[in-house]
Amino acid sequence: MPSIARGTICLGKNIEPGSAQHTQYRFVARPDTISSQAFSLMNRQELQTKLCIVTSEILREKGYISVVDVFMKLGYLDRKDYEVWRSRRVPCLEDVIRVSPTRINFIMRILRRNSVNGRLKLSWTAYMSWGKGTKTPLRFSKSGEAAIERAYATHFVKGKMNYGKTGK
C-alpha cells in the first residue's frame, strides 16, 4: 500500500508520516488497481487526494514529476498512446489523453500548486519526436498556445534549494 513521502505537500498542507491526515491518505487504493472509468467518476476532492498519492510515488521513484507521468499513473494516458504521440503519429498529446479538457486543466493547476507549495524546482523540458529523421518539437495541446505548451513541458524537480542563505 502506498504511503506519502515525508514532507509531501498534499492539498496545500504539509502531511507528516504518522499524522492523522497521513493515515487517512494511506488507505486510498493504488492508482493501478482502479479502472480509468472509476477515475472519471471521481469528484474534485477525491481527485486531489489521488493526485497527491500519485505525485508522491512519482517523485519518490524518479526525483521529479512530469505532467505526462501523472496522466499515465492516473490511467488517463496509455504508454502505447504516449509512444504514438512521441513518434508523431498524432498531432498533439491531448488527442490521446482520455479525459476532458476541463479535468486536464484541473489536474495541471493542482499539480503546479502543490509542487510550488512543496518547494519543488520548476524545470522546462524539451519534448522532441522519436524515430528516424529530423527530431521536431512535439505539440501537447490542440490550441498550441505557448502558455499551455509550457505548462505541459514543465517538470517539477526535487533538489536542494537555497532558501535565503548566502554562500559566505
N, C-alpha and C. Protein backbone atom coordinates (compact mmCIF):
# COMPACT_ATOMS: atom_id res chain seq x y z
N MET A 1 0.85 -1.18 0.00
CA MET A 1 0.00 0.00 0.00
C MET A 1 0.89 1.24 0.00
N PRO A 2 0.60 2.25 -0.87
CA PRO A 2 1.47 3.41 -0.94
C PRO A 2 1.34 4.28 0.30
N SER A 3 2.41 4.95 0.62
CA SER A 3 2.35 5.94 1.68
C SER A 3 2.92 7.23 1.13
N ILE A 4 2.63 8.31 1.79
CA ILE A 4 3.07 9.61 1.32
C ILE A 4 4.45 9.89 1.88
N ALA A 5 5.36 10.32 1.02
CA ALA A 5 6.73 10.58 1.43
C ALA A 5 6.80 11.75 2.40
N ARG A 6 7.79 11.72 3.27
CA ARG A 6 7.99 12.79 4.25
C ARG A 6 8.05 14.13 3.53
N GLY A 7 7.31 15.10 4.06
CA GLY A 7 7.34 16.44 3.52
C GLY A 7 6.50 16.63 2.26
N THR A 8 5.71 15.65 1.86
CA THR A 8 4.89 15.79 0.67
C THR A 8 3.83 16.86 0.91
N ILE A 9 3.65 17.71 -0.06
CA ILE A 9 2.61 18.72 0.02
C ILE A 9 1.37 18.14 -0.62
N CYS A 10 0.33 18.02 0.15
CA CYS A 10 -0.90 17.42 -0.33
C CYS A 10 -2.05 18.35 -0.01
N LEU A 11 -2.77 18.77 -1.02
CA LEU A 11 -3.92 19.65 -0.85
C LEU A 11 -3.53 20.92 -0.11
N GLY A 12 -2.30 21.37 -0.35
CA GLY A 12 -1.84 22.62 0.24
C GLY A 12 -1.39 22.48 1.68
N LYS A 13 -1.29 21.26 2.21
CA LYS A 13 -0.89 21.06 3.60
C LYS A 13 0.32 20.15 3.64
N ASN A 14 1.20 20.37 4.59
CA ASN A 14 2.35 19.52 4.77
C ASN A 14 1.92 18.31 5.59
N ILE A 15 1.95 17.12 4.99
CA ILE A 15 1.49 15.89 5.64
C ILE A 15 2.71 15.13 6.14
N GLU A 16 2.82 14.93 7.42
CA GLU A 16 3.93 14.18 8.00
C GLU A 16 3.51 12.74 8.24
N PRO A 17 4.41 11.79 7.98
CA PRO A 17 4.11 10.39 8.24
C PRO A 17 3.72 10.18 9.70
N GLY A 18 2.71 9.35 9.90
CA GLY A 18 2.24 9.04 11.24
C GLY A 18 1.13 9.96 11.73
N SER A 19 0.92 11.08 11.03
CA SER A 19 -0.13 12.00 11.46
C SER A 19 -1.50 11.43 11.09
N ALA A 20 -2.54 12.00 11.66
CA ALA A 20 -3.91 11.54 11.37
C ALA A 20 -4.22 11.73 9.88
N GLN A 21 -3.77 12.84 9.30
CA GLN A 21 -4.02 13.07 7.88
C GLN A 21 -3.30 12.04 7.03
N HIS A 22 -2.06 11.72 7.40
CA HIS A 22 -1.29 10.73 6.65
C HIS A 22 -2.00 9.39 6.67
N THR A 23 -2.48 8.99 7.82
CA THR A 23 -3.21 7.73 7.95
C THR A 23 -4.44 7.74 7.06
N GLN A 24 -5.13 8.88 7.02
CA GLN A 24 -6.31 9.00 6.18
C GLN A 24 -5.97 8.74 4.72
N TYR A 25 -4.85 9.30 4.22
CA TYR A 25 -4.49 9.15 2.82
C TYR A 25 -3.90 7.79 2.50
N ARG A 26 -3.33 7.11 3.48
CA ARG A 26 -2.69 5.83 3.24
C ARG A 26 -3.67 4.77 2.78
N PHE A 27 -4.94 4.91 3.10
CA PHE A 27 -5.89 3.85 2.80
C PHE A 27 -6.65 4.06 1.50
N VAL A 28 -6.19 4.96 0.67
CA VAL A 28 -6.76 5.14 -0.65
C VAL A 28 -6.13 4.07 -1.55
N ALA A 29 -6.93 3.46 -2.42
CA ALA A 29 -6.44 2.37 -3.27
C ALA A 29 -5.34 2.85 -4.20
N ARG A 30 -4.47 1.94 -4.59
CA ARG A 30 -3.39 2.25 -5.53
C ARG A 30 -3.99 2.64 -6.88
N PRO A 31 -3.38 3.60 -7.58
CA PRO A 31 -3.91 4.04 -8.87
C PRO A 31 -4.00 2.93 -9.90
N ASP A 32 -3.06 1.97 -9.86
CA ASP A 32 -3.08 0.92 -10.88
C ASP A 32 -4.14 -0.14 -10.62
N THR A 33 -4.87 -0.04 -9.49
CA THR A 33 -5.92 -1.01 -9.22
C THR A 33 -7.31 -0.46 -9.53
N ILE A 34 -7.35 0.79 -9.97
CA ILE A 34 -8.63 1.43 -10.26
C ILE A 34 -8.73 1.66 -11.77
N SER A 35 -9.86 1.32 -12.35
CA SER A 35 -10.03 1.50 -13.80
C SER A 35 -10.14 2.98 -14.14
N SER A 36 -9.85 3.32 -15.39
CA SER A 36 -9.95 4.71 -15.82
C SER A 36 -11.39 5.21 -15.74
N GLN A 37 -12.37 4.30 -15.85
CA GLN A 37 -13.76 4.70 -15.71
C GLN A 37 -14.05 5.18 -14.29
N ALA A 38 -13.46 4.51 -13.31
CA ALA A 38 -13.65 4.92 -11.93
C ALA A 38 -13.06 6.31 -11.70
N PHE A 39 -11.90 6.60 -12.33
CA PHE A 39 -11.30 7.90 -12.20
C PHE A 39 -12.19 8.99 -12.77
N SER A 40 -12.89 8.71 -13.85
CA SER A 40 -13.73 9.73 -14.45
C SER A 40 -14.92 10.08 -13.56
N LEU A 41 -15.26 9.19 -12.64
CA LEU A 41 -16.37 9.44 -11.73
C LEU A 41 -15.96 10.15 -10.45
N MET A 42 -14.66 10.33 -10.26
CA MET A 42 -14.18 10.98 -9.04
C MET A 42 -14.60 12.43 -8.99
N ASN A 43 -14.91 12.88 -7.80
CA ASN A 43 -15.13 14.32 -7.65
C ASN A 43 -13.77 15.00 -7.46
N ARG A 44 -13.78 16.29 -7.41
CA ARG A 44 -12.52 17.04 -7.34
C ARG A 44 -11.72 16.75 -6.08
N GLN A 45 -12.39 16.59 -4.95
CA GLN A 45 -11.68 16.31 -3.70
C GLN A 45 -11.00 14.94 -3.77
N GLU A 46 -11.69 13.96 -4.30
CA GLU A 46 -11.11 12.62 -4.44
C GLU A 46 -9.93 12.65 -5.41
N LEU A 47 -10.07 13.42 -6.48
CA LEU A 47 -9.00 13.53 -7.46
C LEU A 47 -7.78 14.21 -6.85
N GLN A 48 -7.98 15.23 -6.03
CA GLN A 48 -6.86 15.89 -5.37
C GLN A 48 -6.13 14.92 -4.45
N THR A 49 -6.86 14.11 -3.72
CA THR A 49 -6.24 13.11 -2.85
C THR A 49 -5.46 12.10 -3.67
N LYS A 50 -6.05 11.61 -4.74
CA LYS A 50 -5.38 10.65 -5.62
C LYS A 50 -4.14 11.27 -6.25
N LEU A 51 -4.26 12.52 -6.66
CA LEU A 51 -3.14 13.22 -7.27
C LEU A 51 -1.98 13.36 -6.29
N CYS A 52 -2.29 13.60 -5.04
CA CYS A 52 -1.27 13.70 -4.01
C CYS A 52 -0.49 12.40 -3.89
N ILE A 53 -1.19 11.29 -3.87
CA ILE A 53 -0.55 9.98 -3.74
C ILE A 53 0.27 9.66 -4.98
N VAL A 54 -0.30 9.89 -6.14
CA VAL A 54 0.37 9.58 -7.40
C VAL A 54 1.65 10.41 -7.56
N THR A 55 1.57 11.70 -7.29
CA THR A 55 2.74 12.55 -7.45
C THR A 55 3.81 12.21 -6.42
N SER A 56 3.40 11.83 -5.23
CA SER A 56 4.36 11.40 -4.21
C SER A 56 5.12 10.16 -4.68
N GLU A 57 4.42 9.21 -5.28
CA GLU A 57 5.06 7.99 -5.79
C GLU A 57 6.03 8.32 -6.93
N ILE A 58 5.60 9.17 -7.86
CA ILE A 58 6.45 9.53 -9.00
C ILE A 58 7.70 10.25 -8.51
N LEU A 59 7.54 11.18 -7.58
CA LEU A 59 8.67 11.93 -7.05
C LEU A 59 9.66 11.00 -6.35
N ARG A 60 9.14 10.06 -5.59
CA ARG A 60 10.00 9.09 -4.89
C ARG A 60 10.74 8.20 -5.90
N GLU A 61 10.07 7.78 -6.98
CA GLU A 61 10.68 6.89 -7.97
C GLU A 61 11.70 7.60 -8.86
N LYS A 62 11.37 8.81 -9.32
CA LYS A 62 12.18 9.47 -10.34
C LYS A 62 12.95 10.69 -9.86
N GLY A 63 12.51 11.31 -8.78
CA GLY A 63 13.15 12.53 -8.32
C GLY A 63 12.57 13.78 -8.97
N TYR A 64 11.60 13.60 -9.84
CA TYR A 64 10.91 14.72 -10.49
C TYR A 64 9.51 14.26 -10.87
N ILE A 65 8.64 15.22 -11.15
CA ILE A 65 7.27 14.93 -11.58
C ILE A 65 7.06 15.58 -12.94
N SER A 66 6.55 14.81 -13.89
CA SER A 66 6.17 15.39 -15.18
C SER A 66 4.67 15.19 -15.37
N VAL A 67 4.06 16.09 -16.10
CA VAL A 67 2.63 16.02 -16.36
C VAL A 67 2.29 14.71 -17.07
N VAL A 68 3.12 14.32 -18.01
CA VAL A 68 2.88 13.08 -18.78
C VAL A 68 2.87 11.87 -17.83
N ASP A 69 3.85 11.82 -16.92
CA ASP A 69 3.90 10.71 -15.95
C ASP A 69 2.65 10.68 -15.07
N VAL A 70 2.17 11.85 -14.68
CA VAL A 70 0.97 11.93 -13.84
C VAL A 70 -0.23 11.36 -14.60
N PHE A 71 -0.42 11.75 -15.85
CA PHE A 71 -1.55 11.24 -16.62
C PHE A 71 -1.45 9.73 -16.85
N MET A 72 -0.23 9.23 -17.04
CA MET A 72 -0.06 7.78 -17.20
C MET A 72 -0.37 7.06 -15.89
N LYS A 73 0.12 7.58 -14.78
CA LYS A 73 -0.09 6.93 -13.48
C LYS A 73 -1.58 6.97 -13.08
N LEU A 74 -2.28 8.03 -13.47
CA LEU A 74 -3.71 8.13 -13.17
C LEU A 74 -4.55 7.22 -14.08
N GLY A 75 -3.96 6.73 -15.16
CA GLY A 75 -4.69 5.87 -16.08
C GLY A 75 -5.39 6.62 -17.20
N TYR A 76 -5.08 7.90 -17.37
CA TYR A 76 -5.69 8.70 -18.42
C TYR A 76 -4.91 8.64 -19.72
N LEU A 77 -3.67 8.13 -19.68
CA LEU A 77 -2.81 8.06 -20.85
C LEU A 77 -2.09 6.71 -20.84
N ASP A 78 -2.29 5.94 -21.91
CA ASP A 78 -1.60 4.65 -22.03
C ASP A 78 -0.19 4.87 -22.53
N ARG A 79 0.71 3.99 -22.15
CA ARG A 79 2.10 4.04 -22.62
C ARG A 79 2.13 3.96 -24.15
N LYS A 80 1.28 3.10 -24.72
CA LYS A 80 1.22 2.93 -26.17
C LYS A 80 0.82 4.25 -26.86
N ASP A 81 -0.19 4.93 -26.32
CA ASP A 81 -0.62 6.21 -26.89
C ASP A 81 0.46 7.27 -26.75
N TYR A 82 1.19 7.24 -25.64
CA TYR A 82 2.30 8.16 -25.43
C TYR A 82 3.36 7.94 -26.51
N GLU A 83 3.68 6.68 -26.78
CA GLU A 83 4.67 6.37 -27.79
C GLU A 83 4.21 6.77 -29.20
N VAL A 84 2.92 6.62 -29.47
CA VAL A 84 2.36 7.06 -30.75
C VAL A 84 2.54 8.57 -30.91
N TRP A 85 2.30 9.32 -29.85
CA TRP A 85 2.48 10.77 -29.87
C TRP A 85 3.95 11.13 -30.07
N ARG A 86 4.85 10.45 -29.34
CA ARG A 86 6.28 10.73 -29.46
C ARG A 86 6.80 10.40 -30.85
N SER A 87 6.11 9.48 -31.54
CA SER A 87 6.51 9.09 -32.89
C SER A 87 5.83 9.95 -33.96
N ARG A 88 5.13 11.02 -33.55
CA ARG A 88 4.45 11.97 -34.45
C ARG A 88 3.30 11.37 -35.24
N ARG A 89 2.68 10.31 -34.73
CA ARG A 89 1.56 9.72 -35.47
C ARG A 89 0.22 10.33 -35.06
N VAL A 90 0.21 11.17 -34.04
CA VAL A 90 -0.96 12.00 -33.71
C VAL A 90 -0.44 13.43 -33.55
N PRO A 91 -1.26 14.42 -33.90
CA PRO A 91 -0.78 15.80 -33.90
C PRO A 91 -0.47 16.38 -32.52
N CYS A 92 -1.23 15.97 -31.50
CA CYS A 92 -0.99 16.53 -30.17
C CYS A 92 -1.34 15.51 -29.08
N LEU A 93 -0.74 15.69 -27.93
CA LEU A 93 -0.94 14.76 -26.80
C LEU A 93 -2.39 14.74 -26.34
N GLU A 94 -3.06 15.88 -26.36
CA GLU A 94 -4.45 15.95 -25.90
C GLU A 94 -5.38 15.04 -26.71
N ASP A 95 -4.97 14.67 -27.92
CA ASP A 95 -5.79 13.76 -28.73
C ASP A 95 -5.83 12.35 -28.16
N VAL A 96 -4.84 11.98 -27.35
CA VAL A 96 -4.79 10.61 -26.82
C VAL A 96 -5.00 10.53 -25.30
N ILE A 97 -5.14 11.67 -24.62
CA ILE A 97 -5.45 11.66 -23.19
C ILE A 97 -6.95 11.43 -23.06
N ARG A 98 -7.34 10.44 -22.28
CA ARG A 98 -8.74 10.03 -22.17
C ARG A 98 -9.45 10.72 -21.00
N VAL A 99 -9.48 12.02 -21.04
CA VAL A 99 -10.18 12.80 -20.03
C VAL A 99 -10.49 14.16 -20.64
N SER A 100 -11.49 14.82 -20.10
CA SER A 100 -11.94 16.10 -20.67
C SER A 100 -10.90 17.20 -20.48
N PRO A 101 -10.92 18.21 -21.35
CA PRO A 101 -10.01 19.35 -21.19
C PRO A 101 -10.17 20.05 -19.83
N THR A 102 -11.39 20.07 -19.32
CA THR A 102 -11.62 20.68 -18.00
C THR A 102 -10.88 19.91 -16.92
N ARG A 103 -10.92 18.59 -16.98
CA ARG A 103 -10.23 17.76 -15.99
C ARG A 103 -8.71 17.87 -16.16
N ILE A 104 -8.24 17.96 -17.40
CA ILE A 104 -6.81 18.14 -17.66
C ILE A 104 -6.34 19.44 -17.00
N ASN A 105 -7.08 20.51 -17.23
CA ASN A 105 -6.74 21.82 -16.66
C ASN A 105 -6.72 21.75 -15.13
N PHE A 106 -7.71 21.11 -14.54
CA PHE A 106 -7.79 20.99 -13.08
C PHE A 106 -6.56 20.25 -12.54
N ILE A 107 -6.22 19.13 -13.16
CA ILE A 107 -5.08 18.33 -12.71
C ILE A 107 -3.79 19.14 -12.81
N MET A 108 -3.61 19.84 -13.91
CA MET A 108 -2.39 20.62 -14.10
C MET A 108 -2.29 21.78 -13.11
N ARG A 109 -3.41 22.43 -12.81
CA ARG A 109 -3.40 23.52 -11.83
C ARG A 109 -3.04 23.01 -10.44
N ILE A 110 -3.66 21.90 -10.02
CA ILE A 110 -3.39 21.33 -8.70
C ILE A 110 -1.95 20.83 -8.62
N LEU A 111 -1.48 20.18 -9.68
CA LEU A 111 -0.10 19.69 -9.71
C LEU A 111 0.88 20.85 -9.53
N ARG A 112 0.67 21.92 -10.25
CA ARG A 112 1.57 23.07 -10.14
C ARG A 112 1.49 23.70 -8.75
N ARG A 113 0.28 23.90 -8.23
CA ARG A 113 0.12 24.50 -6.91
C ARG A 113 0.82 23.67 -5.83
N ASN A 114 0.58 22.37 -5.84
CA ASN A 114 1.18 21.51 -4.82
C ASN A 114 2.70 21.44 -4.96
N SER A 115 3.19 21.47 -6.18
CA SER A 115 4.64 21.42 -6.41
C SER A 115 5.32 22.70 -5.94
N VAL A 116 4.70 23.83 -6.22
CA VAL A 116 5.25 25.11 -5.77
C VAL A 116 5.20 25.16 -4.24
N ASN A 117 4.08 24.75 -3.65
CA ASN A 117 3.97 24.73 -2.18
C ASN A 117 4.97 23.76 -1.56
N GLY A 118 5.29 22.70 -2.28
CA GLY A 118 6.26 21.71 -1.81
C GLY A 118 7.70 22.10 -2.10
N ARG A 119 7.88 23.32 -2.62
CA ARG A 119 9.20 23.87 -2.93
C ARG A 119 9.99 23.02 -3.92
N LEU A 120 9.27 22.47 -4.89
CA LEU A 120 9.95 21.78 -5.98
C LEU A 120 10.37 22.82 -7.01
N LYS A 121 11.47 22.55 -7.66
CA LYS A 121 12.01 23.47 -8.66
C LYS A 121 11.32 23.22 -10.00
N LEU A 122 10.89 24.29 -10.67
CA LEU A 122 10.26 24.18 -11.98
C LEU A 122 11.35 24.11 -13.04
N SER A 123 11.24 23.15 -13.94
CA SER A 123 12.24 22.96 -14.98
C SER A 123 11.54 22.66 -16.30
N TRP A 124 11.75 23.53 -17.29
CA TRP A 124 11.16 23.30 -18.60
C TRP A 124 11.95 22.21 -19.30
N THR A 125 11.27 21.30 -19.96
CA THR A 125 11.90 20.18 -20.66
C THR A 125 11.42 20.15 -22.11
N ALA A 126 12.36 20.06 -23.04
CA ALA A 126 12.01 19.97 -24.46
C ALA A 126 11.55 18.55 -24.77
N TYR A 127 10.39 18.41 -25.36
CA TYR A 127 9.88 17.11 -25.81
C TYR A 127 10.06 17.07 -27.32
N MET A 128 10.97 16.22 -27.76
CA MET A 128 11.27 16.08 -29.18
C MET A 128 10.76 14.72 -29.66
N SER A 129 10.46 14.66 -30.95
CA SER A 129 9.92 13.42 -31.53
C SER A 129 10.97 12.31 -31.53
N TRP A 130 10.48 11.09 -31.51
CA TRP A 130 11.32 9.90 -31.60
C TRP A 130 11.35 9.42 -33.04
N GLY A 131 12.23 8.48 -33.32
CA GLY A 131 12.25 7.82 -34.62
C GLY A 131 13.29 8.40 -35.55
N LYS A 132 13.26 7.91 -36.78
CA LYS A 132 14.21 8.34 -37.80
C LYS A 132 13.85 9.72 -38.31
N GLY A 133 14.82 10.37 -38.84
CA GLY A 133 14.57 11.69 -39.42
C GLY A 133 14.84 12.80 -38.43
N THR A 134 14.49 13.98 -38.85
CA THR A 134 14.70 15.18 -38.04
C THR A 134 13.84 15.13 -36.77
N LYS A 135 14.47 15.42 -35.66
CA LYS A 135 13.74 15.49 -34.39
C LYS A 135 13.03 16.85 -34.33
N THR A 136 11.71 16.80 -34.19
CA THR A 136 10.93 18.03 -34.16
C THR A 136 10.26 18.19 -32.80
N PRO A 137 10.04 19.44 -32.38
CA PRO A 137 9.33 19.66 -31.11
C PRO A 137 7.91 19.10 -31.20
N LEU A 138 7.48 18.47 -30.13
CA LEU A 138 6.13 17.90 -30.10
C LEU A 138 5.14 18.90 -29.55
N ARG A 139 3.91 18.73 -29.95
CA ARG A 139 2.83 19.62 -29.51
C ARG A 139 1.98 18.87 -28.49
N PHE A 140 1.64 19.54 -27.40
CA PHE A 140 0.84 18.95 -26.35
C PHE A 140 -0.65 19.25 -26.53
N SER A 141 -0.97 20.52 -26.77
CA SER A 141 -2.37 20.95 -26.77
C SER A 141 -2.92 21.11 -28.18
N LYS A 142 -4.23 21.04 -28.26
CA LYS A 142 -4.90 21.25 -29.56
C LYS A 142 -4.75 22.68 -30.02
N SER A 143 -4.76 23.63 -29.07
CA SER A 143 -4.66 25.04 -29.42
C SER A 143 -3.24 25.45 -29.80
N GLY A 144 -2.24 24.79 -29.21
CA GLY A 144 -0.85 25.15 -29.47
C GLY A 144 -0.42 26.42 -28.77
N GLU A 145 -1.25 26.93 -27.87
CA GLU A 145 -0.96 28.16 -27.15
C GLU A 145 0.32 28.01 -26.32
N ALA A 146 1.20 29.00 -26.39
CA ALA A 146 2.53 28.92 -25.77
C ALA A 146 2.46 28.64 -24.26
N ALA A 147 1.56 29.30 -23.54
CA ALA A 147 1.47 29.10 -22.08
C ALA A 147 1.05 27.66 -21.74
N ILE A 148 0.14 27.12 -22.53
CA ILE A 148 -0.32 25.75 -22.29
C ILE A 148 0.81 24.76 -22.61
N GLU A 149 1.49 24.98 -23.71
CA GLU A 149 2.62 24.12 -24.08
C GLU A 149 3.69 24.13 -23.01
N ARG A 150 3.99 25.31 -22.49
CA ARG A 150 4.99 25.46 -21.43
C ARG A 150 4.57 24.72 -20.17
N ALA A 151 3.28 24.80 -19.82
CA ALA A 151 2.78 24.11 -18.63
C ALA A 151 2.93 22.59 -18.76
N TYR A 152 2.62 22.04 -19.91
CA TYR A 152 2.78 20.60 -20.14
C TYR A 152 4.25 20.18 -20.05
N ALA A 153 5.16 21.02 -20.56
CA ALA A 153 6.57 20.66 -20.65
C ALA A 153 7.35 20.96 -19.36
N THR A 154 6.68 21.49 -18.35
CA THR A 154 7.36 21.79 -17.09
C THR A 154 7.43 20.55 -16.22
N HIS A 155 8.64 20.26 -15.75
CA HIS A 155 8.85 19.19 -14.77
C HIS A 155 9.08 19.85 -13.42
N PHE A 156 8.68 19.16 -12.37
CA PHE A 156 8.85 19.64 -11.01
C PHE A 156 9.90 18.76 -10.36
N VAL A 157 11.04 19.37 -10.05
CA VAL A 157 12.23 18.62 -9.67
C VAL A 157 12.52 18.77 -8.18
N LYS A 158 12.81 17.62 -7.56
CA LYS A 158 13.24 17.61 -6.16
C LYS A 158 14.72 17.94 -6.15
N GLY A 159 15.11 18.75 -5.22
CA GLY A 159 16.52 19.08 -5.13
C GLY A 159 16.78 20.03 -3.99
N LYS A 160 18.04 20.18 -3.71
CA LYS A 160 18.42 21.11 -2.65
C LYS A 160 18.30 22.51 -3.18
N MET A 161 17.59 23.34 -2.43
CA MET A 161 17.44 24.72 -2.85
C MET A 161 17.96 25.61 -1.74
N ASN A 162 18.44 26.76 -2.10
CA ASN A 162 18.95 27.72 -1.15
C ASN A 162 17.81 28.66 -0.77
N TYR A 163 17.33 28.57 0.46
CA TYR A 163 16.21 29.38 0.92
C TYR A 163 16.71 30.57 1.72
N GLY A 164 17.32 31.54 1.06
CA GLY A 164 17.70 32.77 1.71
C GLY A 164 19.10 32.77 2.33
N LYS A 165 19.80 31.66 2.34
CA LYS A 165 21.14 31.63 2.90
C LYS A 165 22.12 32.05 1.81
N THR A 166 23.11 32.80 2.20
CA THR A 166 24.13 33.22 1.25
C THR A 166 25.31 32.29 1.34
N GLY A 167 26.08 32.26 0.31
CA GLY A 167 27.23 31.37 0.25
C GLY A 167 28.48 31.98 0.85
N LYS A 168 28.38 32.76 1.91
CA LYS A 168 29.55 33.41 2.53
C LYS A 168 30.28 32.47 3.42
